[in-house]
Amino acid sequence: MKSFILSFFTVCIIYSCAKKMTPTATAVPGQTVKPPADMPKEAVKKMEGPAEVAGKQIYTTKCARCHGLKNVEEWTVQEWIPILDRMAPKAGLDASEKANVAAYVNFHAKSN
């Protein structure tokens, strides 16, 4: 019985320490799909890719420090371009952070 328990715990430890082969997603700026206007918000959240999720986190932490959170749906994609160009340096965003924020705001921007 002791050998069975020892074997069981050994297998558990080896399994838990094994390298996991989980695929990771990389954020690719500009490759987002705009959801249909009538799609429920909960379904839209499920469509967000890694760039949008990372961008939302950066937006809610770094962008909100100075002026609070703005509703990203109030501006179009074209209106967001100069806003991001102007505000990214002030927020101290590097190129990848700016790209992720752009993916997030473009994903949720209002239609033209």
C-alpha atoms as a PDB file:
ATOM      1  CA  MET A   1       0.000   0.000   0.000  1.00  0.00           C
ATOM      2  CA  LYS A   2       2.853   2.366   0.826  1.00  0.00           C
ATOM      3  CA  SER A   3       4.443   1.752  -2.550  1.00  0.00           C
ATOM      4  CA  PHE A   4       1.138   2.513  -4.298  1.00  0.00           C
ATOM      5  CA  ILE A   5       0.771   5.821  -2.471  1.00  0.00           C
ATOM      6  CA  LEU A   6       4.401   6.703  -3.096  1.00  0.00           C
ATOM      7  CA  SER A   7       4.015   5.840  -6.794  1.00  0.00           C
ATOM      8  CA  PHE A   8       0.818   7.902  -7.028  1.00  0.00           C
ATOM      9  CA  PHE A   9       2.446  10.990  -5.526  1.00  0.00           C
ATOM     10  CA  THR A  10       5.525  10.550  -7.705  1.00  0.00           C
ATOM     11  CA  VAL A  11       3.374  10.465 -10.837  1.00  0.00           C
ATOM     12  CA  CYS A  12       1.442  13.530  -9.636  1.00  0.00           C
ATOM     13  CA  ILE A  13       4.641  15.488  -9.032  1.00  0.00           C
ATOM     14  CA  ILE A  14       6.120  14.528 -12.390  1.00  0.00           C
ATOM     15  CA  TYR A  15       2.889  15.438 -14.174  1.00  0.00           C
ATOM     16  CA  SER A  16       2.573  18.791 -12.419  1.00  0.00           C
ATOM     17  CA  CYS A  17       6.196  19.705 -13.169  1.00  0.00           C
ATOM     18  CA  ALA A  18       6.037  18.720 -16.826  1.00  0.00           C
ATOM     19  CA  LYS A  19       6.241  21.476 -19.403  1.00  0.00           C
ATOM     20  CA  LYS A  20       2.783  22.450 -20.545  1.00  0.00           C
ATOM     21  CA  MET A  21       2.222  22.609 -24.273  1.00  0.00           C
ATOM     22  CA  THR A  22      -0.493  25.230 -24.278  1.00  0.00           C
ATOM     23  CA  PRO A  23      -0.542  27.369 -27.419  1.00  0.00           C
ATOM     24  CA  THR A  24      -0.149  31.073 -26.815  1.00  0.00           C
ATOM     25  CA  ALA A  25      -1.732  33.801 -28.870  1.00  0.00           C
ATOM     26  CA  THR A  26       0.232  36.780 -30.050  1.00  0.00           C
ATOM     27  CA  ALA A  27      -1.358  40.154 -30.427  1.00  0.00           C
ATOM     28  CA  VAL A  28      -1.348  41.364 -34.010  1.00  0.00           C
ATOM     29  CA  PRO A  29      -2.373  45.009 -34.252  1.00  0.00           C
ATOM     30  CA  GLY A  30      -4.945  45.800 -36.892  1.00  0.00           C
ATOM     31  CA  GLN A  31      -6.335  42.288 -37.201  1.00  0.00           C
ATOM     32  CA  THR A  32      -9.650  42.627 -35.444  1.00  0.00           C
ATOM     33  CA  VAL A  33     -13.146  41.773 -36.550  1.00  0.00           C
ATOM     34  CA  LYS A  34     -15.864  44.319 -35.878  1.00  0.00           C
ATOM     35  CA  PRO A  35     -18.900  42.627 -34.311  1.00  0.00           C
ATOM     36  CA  PRO A  36     -22.397  43.196 -35.709  1.00  0.00           C
ATOM     37  CA  ALA A  37     -24.200  46.148 -34.136  1.00  0.00           C
ATOM     38  CA  ASP A  38     -27.035  43.975 -32.794  1.00  0.00           C
ATOM     39  CA  MET A  39     -24.712  41.468 -31.093  1.00  0.00           C
ATOM     40  CA  PRO A  40     -25.158  41.359 -27.292  1.00  0.00           C
ATOM     41  CA  LYS A  41     -22.286  42.863 -25.281  1.00  0.00           C
ATOM     42  CA  GLU A  42     -21.517  39.531 -23.582  1.00  0.00           C
ATOM     43  CA  ALA A  43     -20.994  37.897 -26.979  1.00  0.00           C
ATOM     44  CA  VAL A  44     -18.779  40.787 -28.106  1.00  0.00           C
ATOM     45  CA  LYS A  45     -16.534  40.328 -25.060  1.00  0.00           C
ATOM     46  CA  LYS A  46     -16.006  36.708 -26.082  1.00  0.00           C
ATOM     47  CA  MET A  47     -14.832  37.836 -29.539  1.00  0.00           C
ATOM     48  CA  GLU A  48     -12.061  40.059 -28.182  1.00  0.00           C
ATOM     49  CA  GLY A  49      -8.644  38.746 -29.015  1.00  0.00           C
ATOM     50  CA  PRO A  50      -5.466  39.015 -26.957  1.00  0.00           C
ATOM     51  CA  ALA A  51      -4.626  42.453 -28.353  1.00  0.00           C
ATOM     52  CA  GLU A  52      -7.999  43.866 -27.342  1.00  0.00           C
ATOM     53  CA  VAL A  53      -7.831  42.328 -23.868  1.00  0.00           C
ATOM     54  CA  ALA A  54      -4.310  43.661 -23.300  1.00  0.00           C
ATOM     55  CA  GLY A  55      -5.329  47.031 -24.724  1.00  0.00           C
ATOM     56  CA  LYS A  56      -8.307  47.290 -22.391  1.00  0.00           C
ATOM     57  CA  GLN A  57      -6.102  46.618 -19.384  1.00  0.00           C
ATOM     58  CA  ILE A  58      -3.605  49.273 -20.469  1.00  0.00           C
ATOM     59  CA  TYR A  59      -6.412  51.723 -21.276  1.00  0.00           C
ATOM     60  CA  THR A  60      -8.081  51.264 -17.895  1.00  0.00           C
ATOM     61  CA  THR A  61      -4.837  51.628 -15.947  1.00  0.00           C
ATOM     62  CA  LYS A  62      -2.564  54.050 -17.788  1.00  0.00           C
ATOM     63  CA  CYS A  63      -5.079  56.195 -19.672  1.00  0.00           C
ATOM     64  CA  ALA A  64      -7.429  56.632 -16.740  1.00  0.00           C
ATOM     65  CA  ARG A  65      -4.713  58.008 -14.450  1.00  0.00           C
ATOM     66  CA  CYS A  66      -5.011  61.559 -15.761  1.00  0.00           C
ATOM     67  CA  HIS A  67      -8.528  62.046 -17.042  1.00  0.00           C
ATOM     68  CA  GLY A  68     -10.649  59.063 -16.087  1.00  0.00           C
ATOM     69  CA  LEU A  69     -12.098  56.531 -18.459  1.00  0.00           C
ATOM     70  CA  LYS A  70     -13.703  57.820 -21.615  1.00  0.00           C
ATOM     71  CA  ASN A  71     -16.304  55.781 -23.456  1.00  0.00           C
ATOM     72  CA  VAL A  72     -14.330  54.366 -26.387  1.00  0.00           C
ATOM     73  CA  GLU A  73     -17.538  54.000 -28.404  1.00  0.00           C
ATOM     74  CA  GLU A  74     -17.910  57.792 -28.713  1.00  0.00           C
ATOM     75  CA  TRP A  75     -15.226  58.081 -31.413  1.00  0.00           C
ATOM     76  CA  THR A  76     -14.678  56.432 -34.787  1.00  0.00           C
ATOM     77  CA  VAL A  77     -11.522  54.588 -35.789  1.00  0.00           C
ATOM     78  CA  GLN A  78     -10.386  57.660 -37.757  1.00  0.00           C
ATOM     79  CA  GLU A  79     -10.971  59.924 -34.763  1.00  0.00           C
ATOM     80  CA  TRP A  80      -8.943  57.636 -32.507  1.00  0.00           C
ATOM     81  CA  ILE A  81      -5.768  57.910 -34.639  1.00  0.00           C
ATOM     82  CA  PRO A  82      -4.790  61.479 -33.629  1.00  0.00           C
ATOM     83  CA  ILE A  83      -5.990  60.904 -30.071  1.00  0.00           C
ATOM     84  CA  LEU A  84      -3.678  57.915 -29.649  1.00  0.00           C
ATOM     85  CA  ASP A  85      -0.788  59.697 -31.381  1.00  0.00           C
ATOM     86  CA  ARG A  86      -1.135  62.618 -28.985  1.00  0.00           C
ATOM     87  CA  MET A  87      -1.839  60.726 -25.765  1.00  0.00           C
ATOM     88  CA  ALA A  88       0.431  57.646 -26.014  1.00  0.00           C
ATOM     89  CA  PRO A  89       3.638  59.583 -25.224  1.00  0.00           C
ATOM     90  CA  LYS A  90       1.936  61.365 -22.315  1.00  0.00           C
ATOM     91  CA  ALA A  91       0.844  58.020 -20.869  1.00  0.00           C
ATOM     92  CA  GLY A  92       4.323  56.563 -21.372  1.00  0.00           C
ATOM     93  CA  LEU A  93       3.151  53.812 -23.726  1.00  0.00           C
ATOM     94  CA  ASP A  94       5.702  51.880 -25.735  1.00  0.00           C
ATOM     95  CA  ALA A  95       4.953  50.777 -29.306  1.00  0.00           C
ATOM     96  CA  SER A  96       3.381  47.439 -28.359  1.00  0.00           C
ATOM     97  CA  GLU A  97       1.220  49.004 -25.635  1.00  0.00           C
ATOM     98  CA  LYS A  98       0.038  51.672 -28.078  1.00  0.00           C
ATOM     99  CA  ALA A  99      -0.768  48.973 -30.657  1.00  0.00           C
ATOM    100  CA  ASN A 100      -2.783  46.994 -28.104  1.00  0.00           C
ATOM    101  CA  VAL A 101      -4.705  50.093 -26.986  1.00  0.00           C
ATOM    102  CA  ALA A 102      -5.355  50.899 -30.652  1.00  0.00           C
ATOM    103  CA  ALA A 103      -6.696  47.378 -31.191  1.00  0.00           C
ATOM    104  CA  TYR A 104      -8.995  47.775 -28.180  1.00  0.00           C
ATOM    105  CA  VAL A 105     -10.374  51.202 -29.088  1.00  0.00           C
ATOM    106  CA  ASN A 106     -10.708  50.302 -32.775  1.00  0.00           C
ATOM    107  CA  PHE A 107     -12.594  47.139 -31.843  1.00  0.00           C
ATOM    108  CA  HIS A 108     -15.119  49.157 -29.854  1.00  0.00           C
ATOM    109  CA  ALA A 109     -15.130  52.390 -31.900  1.00  0.00           C
ATOM    110  CA  LYS A 110     -18.415  53.624 -33.280  1.00  0.00           C
ATOM    111  CA  SER A 111     -19.199  53.000 -36.912  1.00  0.00           C
ATOM    112  CA  ASN A 112     -18.690  55.840 -39.364  1.00  0.00           C
END
